[in-house]
Amino acid sequence: MFMRRRRHTAAALAAFLTASMAVAAAPAQAGADKGAVHPTLRPYLAAYYDFEHPVRGNPAKERDQGFSRTDIDLVNGGALMRTADGGHRGSRTSLQVRQVNPDTAGNDDWKSGVYGTSGVPTLKAFNAVRGITVMGWFKMTGPNPSPNSNTAAPDDYYGAVGLAGVLSGDSDGHAVRGLLEIINVNGELRLVALGRRVDGASSQTFAASQDWRTLLPDGKWVFLAATFDFDTGAMALYRDGQRLDGFYAVPGDPWDLSGPGPHRTSPTDPRGIKIGGSFPQNTAERNPCDCRMDSLMFLNRALDGERIRAQYRLVTTGEN
């Protein structure tokens, strides 16, 4: 059982901030290995963040390397969130996200993303789409899940750990179209892909059978992918290029696929992207992750296992 209140020591926090400031001050370098994307993914790579491309003049924003050019905010921590710990071969820098103050209901958690109340037009690639893939590198760096800062109960913890996802077209900053996260399924935390085809309607959850702490051990970089085929209803999870055994948590037809296809998501632009917790507009805190993330990819297609394995091989061995 985690302790209800945890504190960074002054020495550890000083060391972390020193390392982060060094990264923030260093010039961005678009190294060939760091920016490597398998050629078969490029046509579908709507948004891609390697956390080595601060927006010129505003280091608290990260430049999108995908075709949508949807820049994101580094919320609350700004440039200090860029950390000298690359997730894979050729990477220098990753994004640190974390809960800041578990004792206080506030808006200070380190997270990332973008939000628009009427949708984010640059994310139109996810409007009326037949498939989505969310993938990237993740490393647990602290106790997860975090204490629930929205309640006074000393032993209350959030029921989920947010990783990365695309918001729905009617989202308040929490509801999603496609998401990688750790969440309570039937009384047990599991690594899941959570998807919603129709805005405001039910979501489906595909949960990994294996213990999430084995899949995401503390201090180890792991490559994760979640795929959502909104036409057929198929979902999948991958770890280091290998498909995971799992199960669908919601019975019936939550995506309403009984009618004639092809089936697509709602014809609305997503209201944004959330990374490391909900509400990228910073109006509330929920489900923070004490972790690092690198090379996050948001694609407007449900990739097959061959393409996911090809991307993993490319950045770990250099093989195409």
Protein backbone atom coordinates (compact mmCIF):
# COMPACT_ATOMS: atom_id res chain seq x y z
CA MET A 1 0.00 0.00 0.00
CA PHE A 2 1.39 3.41 -0.94
CA MET A 3 1.85 6.08 1.70
CA ARG A 4 -0.87 8.74 1.47
CA ARG A 5 1.53 11.66 1.40
CA ARG A 6 4.90 11.57 -0.34
CA ARG A 7 7.48 14.31 -0.66
CA HIS A 8 10.41 14.88 -2.94
CA THR A 9 13.53 15.47 -0.85
CA ALA A 10 15.16 18.85 -1.37
CA ALA A 11 18.29 17.21 -2.81
CA ALA A 12 16.35 15.02 -5.24
CA LEU A 13 14.18 17.89 -6.39
CA ALA A 14 17.18 20.16 -6.85
CA ALA A 15 18.96 17.51 -8.90
CA PHE A 16 15.88 16.98 -11.06
CA LEU A 17 15.41 20.70 -11.69
CA THR A 18 19.10 21.15 -12.50
CA ALA A 19 18.98 18.36 -15.08
CA SER A 20 15.72 19.68 -16.53
CA MET A 21 17.04 23.23 -16.82
CA ALA A 22 20.10 21.92 -18.65
CA VAL A 23 17.85 20.20 -21.16
CA ALA A 24 15.63 23.28 -21.50
CA ALA A 25 18.65 25.47 -22.17
CA ALA A 26 20.16 23.11 -24.75
CA PRO A 27 19.36 23.80 -28.42
CA ALA A 28 16.92 21.40 -30.05
CA GLN A 29 18.55 18.82 -32.30
CA ALA A 30 16.52 16.83 -34.77
CA GLY A 31 18.86 13.81 -34.81
CA ALA A 32 18.21 11.24 -37.53
CA ASP A 33 17.63 8.43 -35.04
CA LYS A 34 15.40 10.52 -32.78
CA GLY A 35 13.12 11.58 -35.58
CA ALA A 36 13.01 8.16 -37.22
CA VAL A 37 9.55 7.12 -38.36
CA HIS A 38 9.01 3.94 -40.35
CA PRO A 39 8.03 4.84 -43.94
CA THR A 40 4.79 2.83 -43.73
CA LEU A 41 3.59 5.03 -40.85
CA ARG A 42 4.23 8.45 -42.35
CA PRO A 43 0.94 8.80 -44.32
CA TYR A 44 -1.08 8.31 -41.12
CA LEU A 45 1.10 10.16 -38.59
CA ALA A 46 -1.21 13.04 -37.73
CA ALA A 47 0.65 14.09 -34.56
CA TYR A 48 4.11 13.20 -33.28
CA TYR A 49 6.00 14.60 -30.28
CA ASP A 50 9.63 13.77 -29.50
CA PHE A 51 10.08 16.56 -26.91
CA GLU A 52 13.19 17.91 -28.62
CA HIS A 53 11.38 20.61 -30.62
CA PRO A 54 10.24 23.53 -28.44
CA VAL A 55 8.22 26.13 -30.27
CA ARG A 56 10.49 29.04 -31.13
CA GLY A 57 10.04 31.79 -28.56
CA ASN A 58 7.87 29.63 -26.31
CA PRO A 59 9.70 26.64 -24.78
CA ALA A 60 6.57 25.75 -22.78
CA LYS A 61 5.08 24.44 -26.04
CA GLU A 62 6.20 21.43 -28.09
CA ARG A 63 6.18 21.45 -31.88
CA ASP A 64 4.28 18.69 -33.67
CA GLN A 65 6.39 16.62 -36.09
CA GLY A 66 3.31 15.00 -37.64
CA PHE A 67 1.36 16.28 -40.64
CA SER A 68 -1.36 18.03 -38.58
CA ARG A 69 1.08 20.52 -37.00
CA THR A 70 -0.84 20.48 -33.71
CA ASP A 71 1.52 21.99 -31.15
CA ILE A 72 0.92 21.07 -27.50
CA ASP A 73 1.39 22.79 -24.15
CA LEU A 74 3.74 21.55 -21.43
CA VAL A 75 1.31 22.35 -18.65
CA ASN A 76 2.51 23.80 -15.32
CA GLY A 77 6.13 22.65 -15.62
CA GLY A 78 6.90 24.24 -18.99
CA ALA A 79 10.40 23.70 -20.33
CA LEU A 80 11.46 22.02 -17.07
CA MET A 81 9.39 19.01 -18.10
CA ARG A 82 11.92 18.14 -20.83
CA THR A 83 14.19 15.62 -19.15
CA ALA A 84 17.61 14.26 -20.17
CA ASP A 85 16.43 10.66 -20.41
CA GLY A 86 15.68 9.45 -23.93
CA GLY A 87 13.30 6.55 -24.29
CA HIS A 88 15.14 4.72 -27.08
CA ARG A 89 18.17 4.59 -29.36
CA GLY A 90 19.02 8.06 -30.63
CA SER A 91 16.74 9.91 -28.21
CA ARG A 92 18.12 12.61 -25.89
CA THR A 93 15.02 13.92 -24.18
CA SER A 94 11.68 12.79 -22.81
CA LEU A 95 8.72 14.45 -21.09
CA GLN A 96 8.34 14.21 -17.32
CA VAL A 97 4.77 14.31 -15.99
CA ARG A 98 3.78 13.95 -12.33
CA GLN A 99 1.51 14.96 -9.51
CA VAL A 100 2.88 18.04 -7.75
CA ASN A 101 0.88 18.43 -4.54
CA PRO A 102 -1.27 15.49 -3.38
CA ASP A 103 -2.51 17.45 -0.35
CA THR A 104 -4.26 20.21 -2.28
CA ALA A 105 -7.13 20.33 -4.74
CA GLY A 106 -5.55 22.60 -7.31
CA ASN A 107 -4.31 22.81 -10.88
CA ASP A 108 -0.57 22.30 -10.63
CA ASP A 109 0.03 18.74 -11.91
CA TRP A 110 2.59 18.40 -14.71
CA LYS A 111 0.82 17.14 -17.83
CA SER A 112 0.62 18.02 -21.50
CA GLY A 113 -1.76 18.42 -24.41
CA VAL A 114 -4.03 20.84 -26.21
CA TYR A 115 -7.72 21.73 -25.88
CA GLY A 116 -10.30 23.65 -27.88
CA THR A 117 -13.91 24.10 -26.73
CA SER A 118 -15.24 23.84 -30.30
CA GLY A 119 -12.73 21.25 -31.42
CA VAL A 120 -9.14 21.55 -32.61
CA PRO A 121 -9.32 22.06 -36.41
CA THR A 122 -5.80 20.77 -37.04
CA LEU A 123 -6.92 17.38 -35.66
CA LYS A 124 -9.50 16.90 -38.44
CA ALA A 125 -7.67 13.69 -39.42
CA PHE A 126 -9.53 12.12 -36.47
CA ASN A 127 -12.92 13.45 -37.64
CA ALA A 128 -15.20 10.64 -38.97
CA VAL A 129 -12.24 8.27 -38.92
CA ARG A 130 -12.35 4.47 -39.26
CA GLY A 131 -9.32 3.80 -37.07
CA ILE A 132 -6.83 5.29 -34.61
CA THR A 133 -3.49 4.18 -33.16
CA VAL A 134 -1.88 5.74 -30.09
CA MET A 135 1.67 4.67 -29.30
CA GLY A 136 4.93 5.74 -27.73
CA TRP A 137 7.54 5.09 -25.06
CA PHE A 138 6.65 5.13 -21.36
CA LYS A 139 8.65 4.82 -18.13
CA MET A 140 7.17 4.73 -14.63
CA THR A 141 9.14 7.05 -12.32
CA GLY A 142 7.12 7.06 -9.10
CA PRO A 143 4.20 5.49 -7.23
CA ASN A 144 1.13 5.06 -9.42
CA PRO A 145 -1.78 5.63 -9.09
CA SER A 146 -1.50 8.94 -7.24
CA PRO A 147 -3.38 10.14 -4.15
CA ASN A 148 -6.70 11.74 -5.08
CA SER A 149 -6.15 15.46 -4.49
CA ASN A 150 -9.87 16.15 -4.97
CA THR A 151 -10.95 14.43 -1.75
CA ALA A 152 -10.02 14.78 1.92
CA ALA A 153 -9.86 11.02 2.56
CA PRO A 154 -6.27 10.14 3.52
CA ASP A 155 -6.35 6.73 1.79
CA ASP A 156 -8.19 7.73 -1.40
CA TYR A 157 -6.33 7.15 -4.66
CA TYR A 158 -7.30 7.84 -8.24
CA GLY A 159 -8.78 4.85 -10.04
CA ALA A 160 -6.68 5.39 -13.16
CA VAL A 161 -3.30 6.53 -14.46
CA GLY A 162 -3.52 8.60 -17.65
CA LEU A 163 -1.00 7.94 -20.41
CA ALA A 164 -1.94 9.47 -23.79
CA GLY A 165 -5.04 9.84 -25.93
CA VAL A 166 -7.20 11.76 -28.40
CA LEU A 167 -10.24 13.54 -26.92
CA SER A 168 -13.76 13.10 -28.25
CA GLY A 169 -15.53 15.87 -30.15
CA ASP A 170 -17.63 16.84 -27.13
CA SER A 171 -15.04 16.26 -24.41
CA ASP A 172 -14.75 18.37 -21.28
CA GLY A 173 -11.05 17.45 -21.25
CA HIS A 174 -11.57 13.94 -19.90
CA ALA A 175 -13.75 11.95 -22.34
CA VAL A 176 -11.80 10.36 -25.19
CA ARG A 177 -12.03 8.92 -28.67
CA GLY A 178 -8.94 6.73 -28.20
CA LEU A 179 -6.74 6.39 -25.10
CA LEU A 180 -3.89 4.41 -23.57
CA GLU A 181 -4.17 4.27 -19.79
CA ILE A 182 -4.13 2.17 -16.64
CA ILE A 183 -7.60 1.89 -15.11
CA ASN A 184 -9.67 -0.19 -12.72
CA VAL A 185 -11.36 -3.05 -14.57
CA ASN A 186 -13.57 -5.34 -12.49
CA GLY A 187 -11.82 -4.28 -9.29
CA GLU A 188 -8.24 -4.56 -10.59
CA LEU A 189 -5.95 -2.00 -12.24
CA ARG A 190 -5.04 -3.00 -15.79
CA LEU A 191 -3.29 -1.54 -18.82
CA VAL A 192 -6.06 -0.76 -21.33
CA ALA A 193 -7.02 0.69 -24.66
CA LEU A 194 -10.22 2.71 -24.18
CA GLY A 195 -12.17 3.89 -27.22
CA ARG A 196 -15.40 5.70 -28.02
CA ARG A 197 -16.88 5.74 -31.53
CA VAL A 198 -19.83 8.11 -31.03
CA ASP A 199 -19.53 11.34 -29.05
CA GLY A 200 -21.45 11.10 -25.78
CA ALA A 201 -22.09 7.37 -26.20
CA SER A 202 -20.56 4.38 -24.44
CA SER A 203 -16.90 3.48 -24.61
CA GLN A 204 -15.32 0.06 -24.98
CA THR A 205 -12.29 -1.09 -23.00
CA PHE A 206 -9.77 -3.72 -24.09
CA ALA A 207 -7.73 -4.74 -21.04
CA ALA A 208 -4.40 -6.58 -20.95
CA SER A 209 -4.57 -9.86 -19.04
CA GLN A 210 -1.07 -9.51 -17.61
CA ASP A 211 -0.39 -7.50 -14.44
CA TRP A 212 0.22 -3.87 -15.41
CA ARG A 213 3.19 -3.64 -13.04
CA THR A 214 4.89 -6.41 -15.00
CA LEU A 215 4.11 -4.68 -18.29
CA LEU A 216 5.30 -1.28 -16.96
CA PRO A 217 7.92 -1.93 -14.29
CA ASP A 218 9.33 1.07 -12.43
CA GLY A 219 12.38 2.62 -14.06
CA LYS A 220 12.17 0.76 -17.40
CA TRP A 221 11.32 2.22 -20.80
CA VAL A 222 8.56 0.31 -22.60
CA PHE A 223 7.06 0.79 -26.07
CA LEU A 224 3.26 0.62 -25.98
CA ALA A 225 0.62 0.81 -28.71
CA ALA A 226 -3.18 0.75 -28.68
CA THR A 227 -5.22 0.29 -31.86
CA PHE A 228 -8.90 1.09 -32.42
CA ASP A 229 -10.77 -0.20 -35.49
CA PHE A 230 -14.08 1.64 -35.31
CA ASP A 231 -15.44 -0.14 -38.37
CA THR A 232 -15.11 -3.70 -37.06
CA GLY A 233 -14.94 -3.07 -33.30
CA ALA A 234 -11.52 -4.68 -32.98
CA MET A 235 -9.05 -3.28 -30.44
CA ALA A 236 -5.54 -4.38 -29.52
CA LEU A 237 -2.60 -3.63 -27.23
CA TYR A 238 1.10 -4.12 -27.97
CA ARG A 239 4.20 -4.01 -25.78
CA ASP A 240 7.66 -3.77 -27.36
CA GLY A 241 6.11 -4.77 -30.68
CA GLN A 242 4.36 -7.89 -29.37
CA ARG A 243 0.59 -8.22 -29.18
CA LEU A 244 -0.77 -8.67 -25.66
CA ASP A 245 -3.43 -11.12 -24.57
CA GLY A 246 -6.49 -9.36 -23.25
CA PHE A 247 -10.26 -9.12 -23.07
CA TYR A 248 -13.12 -6.72 -23.80
CA ALA A 249 -14.58 -5.32 -20.58
CA VAL A 250 -17.94 -4.00 -21.85
CA PRO A 251 -20.53 -6.56 -23.02
CA GLY A 252 -22.87 -6.03 -25.94
CA ASP A 253 -22.35 -3.44 -28.67
CA PRO A 254 -21.18 -0.19 -27.00
CA TRP A 255 -19.96 1.22 -30.34
CA ASP A 256 -23.34 0.57 -32.04
CA LEU A 257 -21.95 -1.43 -34.96
CA SER A 258 -25.09 -3.47 -35.66
CA GLY A 259 -26.14 -1.38 -38.65
CA PRO A 260 -24.56 -1.38 -42.11
CA GLY A 261 -21.02 -0.02 -42.41
CA PRO A 262 -18.55 1.28 -42.96
CA HIS A 263 -18.55 2.64 -39.41
CA ARG A 264 -16.66 5.76 -38.43
CA THR A 265 -16.32 8.02 -35.42
CA SER A 266 -18.55 11.06 -35.00
CA PRO A 267 -17.97 13.70 -37.70
CA THR A 268 -16.45 16.15 -35.23
CA ASP A 269 -12.94 17.46 -34.70
CA PRO A 270 -11.49 16.16 -31.43
CA ARG A 271 -11.31 18.76 -28.69
CA GLY A 272 -7.65 17.98 -28.25
CA ILE A 273 -5.01 15.59 -26.99
CA LYS A 274 -4.31 14.70 -23.36
CA ILE A 275 -1.00 13.38 -22.06
CA GLY A 276 -0.22 12.33 -18.48
CA GLY A 277 -3.65 13.08 -17.03
CA SER A 278 -6.96 14.68 -17.94
CA PHE A 279 -8.00 18.29 -18.61
CA PRO A 280 -5.15 19.66 -20.75
CA GLN A 281 -6.84 23.09 -20.49
CA ASN A 282 -5.77 22.95 -16.81
CA THR A 283 -9.19 23.50 -15.25
CA ALA A 284 -9.04 20.39 -13.05
CA GLU A 285 -6.79 17.50 -12.00
CA ARG A 286 -7.49 13.81 -12.57
CA ASN A 287 -5.52 10.60 -13.04
CA PRO A 288 -1.96 11.98 -13.13
CA CYS A 289 0.95 9.73 -14.08
CA ASP A 290 4.32 9.87 -12.36
CA CYS A 291 6.20 8.85 -15.47
CA ARG A 292 8.21 9.87 -18.53
CA MET A 293 7.07 9.70 -22.13
CA ASP A 294 8.90 9.87 -25.43
CA SER A 295 8.11 9.81 -29.16
CA LEU A 296 4.33 9.88 -28.78
CA MET A 297 2.49 9.05 -32.02
CA PHE A 298 -1.17 9.62 -32.87
CA LEU A 299 -2.17 8.01 -36.18
CA ASN A 300 -5.49 8.10 -38.07
CA ARG A 301 -5.43 4.39 -38.84
CA ALA A 302 -5.63 1.19 -36.80
CA LEU A 303 -2.17 -0.18 -37.54
CA ASP A 304 -1.54 -3.89 -37.88
CA GLY A 305 1.05 -5.69 -35.80
CA GLU A 306 3.57 -5.77 -38.63
CA ARG A 307 3.75 -1.97 -38.84
CA ILE A 308 3.97 -1.61 -35.06
CA ARG A 309 6.82 -4.13 -34.90
CA ALA A 310 8.55 -2.34 -37.78
CA GLN A 311 8.50 0.97 -35.87
CA TYR A 312 9.82 -0.73 -32.73
CA ARG A 313 12.67 -2.38 -34.67
CA LEU A 314 13.56 0.86 -36.43
CA VAL A 315 14.18 2.86 -33.25
CA THR A 316 15.77 0.03 -31.26
CA THR A 317 18.02 -1.58 -33.88
CA GLY A 318 17.99 0.81 -36.85
CA GLU A 319 16.56 -1.93 -39.10
CA ASN A 320 13.85 -0.96 -41.60
